[in-house]
Amino acid sequence: MLKINPQYLFNDKGEKTAALLSIKEFQLLMQHLEDLEDILEMDAAVKTETEFRDYQNVQADLIKEGKL
């Protein structure tokens, strides 16, 4: 589980207006968000794709296209 300890900034009315994280916590949070985006994209691809190709075939096509 993600462990972060934000510090909060308050306005004159005592309302939270911002959260402050350490750089380490911020980087960890960003990594978790990127991982979640990857998982969601993979889930969407699996749901919509009806045909999968072998990695070697995909790699060969990418080499032909100059992308690898």
C-alpha atoms as a PDB file:
ATOM      1  CA  MET A   1       0.000   0.000   0.000  1.00  0.00           C
ATOM      2  CA  LEU A   2       1.143   3.526  -0.773  1.00  0.00           C
ATOM      3  CA  LYS A   3       2.353   5.349   2.347  1.00  0.00           C
ATOM      4  CA  ILE A   4       2.419   9.117   2.087  1.00  0.00           C
ATOM      5  CA  ASN A   5       2.252  11.747   4.798  1.00  0.00           C
ATOM      6  CA  PRO A   6       1.009  14.998   3.286  1.00  0.00           C
ATOM      7  CA  GLN A   7       1.265  18.280   5.117  1.00  0.00           C
ATOM      8  CA  TYR A   8      -1.609  20.653   4.510  1.00  0.00           C
ATOM      9  CA  LEU A   9      -1.713  24.399   3.948  1.00  0.00           C
ATOM     10  CA  PHE A  10      -4.754  26.272   5.240  1.00  0.00           C
ATOM     11  CA  ASN A  11      -6.348  29.572   4.310  1.00  0.00           C
ATOM     12  CA  ASP A  12      -7.530  32.215   6.797  1.00  0.00           C
ATOM     13  CA  LYS A  13     -10.836  30.349   7.220  1.00  0.00           C
ATOM     14  CA  GLY A  14      -9.067  27.130   8.241  1.00  0.00           C
ATOM     15  CA  GLU A  15      -9.876  25.371   4.952  1.00  0.00           C
ATOM     16  CA  LYS A  16      -7.282  23.107   3.347  1.00  0.00           C
ATOM     17  CA  THR A  17      -5.970  24.774   0.209  1.00  0.00           C
ATOM     18  CA  ALA A  18      -2.948  22.654  -0.723  1.00  0.00           C
ATOM     19  CA  ALA A  19      -1.031  19.524   0.180  1.00  0.00           C
ATOM     20  CA  LEU A  20       2.725  19.294   0.483  1.00  0.00           C
ATOM     21  CA  LEU A  21       4.601  16.046  -0.221  1.00  0.00           C
ATOM     22  CA  SER A  22       8.270  15.184  -0.034  1.00  0.00           C
ATOM     23  CA  ILE A  23       9.970  14.626  -3.388  1.00  0.00           C
ATOM     24  CA  LYS A  24      10.275  10.920  -2.587  1.00  0.00           C
ATOM     25  CA  GLU A  25       6.545  10.660  -1.818  1.00  0.00           C
ATOM     26  CA  PHE A  26       5.664  12.644  -4.938  1.00  0.00           C
ATOM     27  CA  GLN A  27       7.818  10.398  -7.158  1.00  0.00           C
ATOM     28  CA  LEU A  28       6.305   7.282  -5.583  1.00  0.00           C
ATOM     29  CA  LEU A  29       2.789   8.640  -6.151  1.00  0.00           C
ATOM     30  CA  MET A  30       3.600   9.472  -9.788  1.00  0.00           C
ATOM     31  CA  GLN A  31       5.008   5.969 -10.358  1.00  0.00           C
ATOM     32  CA  HIS A  32       1.835   4.412  -8.958  1.00  0.00           C
ATOM     33  CA  LEU A  33      -0.284   6.602 -11.245  1.00  0.00           C
ATOM     34  CA  GLU A  34       1.791   5.608 -14.285  1.00  0.00           C
ATOM     35  CA  ASP A  35       1.447   1.937 -13.342  1.00  0.00           C
ATOM     36  CA  LEU A  36      -2.317   2.356 -13.003  1.00  0.00           C
ATOM     37  CA  GLU A  37      -2.520   4.030 -16.433  1.00  0.00           C
ATOM     38  CA  ASP A  38      -0.591   1.107 -17.938  1.00  0.00           C
ATOM     39  CA  ILE A  39      -2.951  -1.393 -16.320  1.00  0.00           C
ATOM     40  CA  LEU A  40      -6.035   0.463 -17.563  1.00  0.00           C
ATOM     41  CA  GLU A  41      -4.623   0.667 -21.107  1.00  0.00           C
ATOM     42  CA  MET A  42      -3.844  -3.065 -21.061  1.00  0.00           C
ATOM     43  CA  ASP A  43      -7.339  -3.884 -19.816  1.00  0.00           C
ATOM     44  CA  ALA A  44      -8.856  -1.778 -22.595  1.00  0.00           C
ATOM     45  CA  ALA A  45      -6.638  -3.437 -25.209  1.00  0.00           C
ATOM     46  CA  VAL A  46      -7.570  -6.921 -24.022  1.00  0.00           C
ATOM     47  CA  LYS A  47     -11.281  -6.079 -24.105  1.00  0.00           C
ATOM     48  CA  THR A  48     -11.197  -4.649 -27.632  1.00  0.00           C
ATOM     49  CA  GLU A  49      -8.565  -6.790 -29.336  1.00  0.00           C
ATOM     50  CA  THR A  50      -9.778  -9.991 -30.956  1.00  0.00           C
ATOM     51  CA  GLU A  51      -6.469 -11.082 -32.459  1.00  0.00           C
ATOM     52  CA  PHE A  52      -3.063 -11.175 -30.815  1.00  0.00           C
ATOM     53  CA  ARG A  53       0.277 -11.408 -32.587  1.00  0.00           C
ATOM     54  CA  ASP A  54       3.438 -13.138 -31.515  1.00  0.00           C
ATOM     55  CA  TYR A  55       6.091 -10.792 -30.101  1.00  0.00           C
ATOM     56  CA  GLN A  56       8.650 -11.818 -32.720  1.00  0.00           C
ATOM     57  CA  ASN A  57       6.250 -10.797 -35.507  1.00  0.00           C
ATOM     58  CA  VAL A  58       5.552  -7.439 -33.904  1.00  0.00           C
ATOM     59  CA  GLN A  59       9.273  -6.881 -33.375  1.00  0.00           C
ATOM     60  CA  ALA A  60      10.040  -7.737 -37.001  1.00  0.00           C
ATOM     61  CA  ASP A  61       7.382  -5.283 -38.223  1.00  0.00           C
ATOM     62  CA  LEU A  62       8.756  -2.526 -35.997  1.00  0.00           C
ATOM     63  CA  ILE A  63      12.260  -3.137 -37.331  1.00  0.00           C
ATOM     64  CA  LYS A  64      10.979  -2.955 -40.930  1.00  0.00           C
ATOM     65  CA  GLU A  65       9.252   0.338 -40.121  1.00  0.00           C
ATOM     66  CA  GLY A  66      12.442   1.713 -38.580  1.00  0.00           C
ATOM     67  CA  LYS A  67      10.839   2.116 -35.184  1.00  0.00           C
ATOM     68  CA  LEU A  68      13.163  -0.302 -33.425  1.00  0.00           C
END
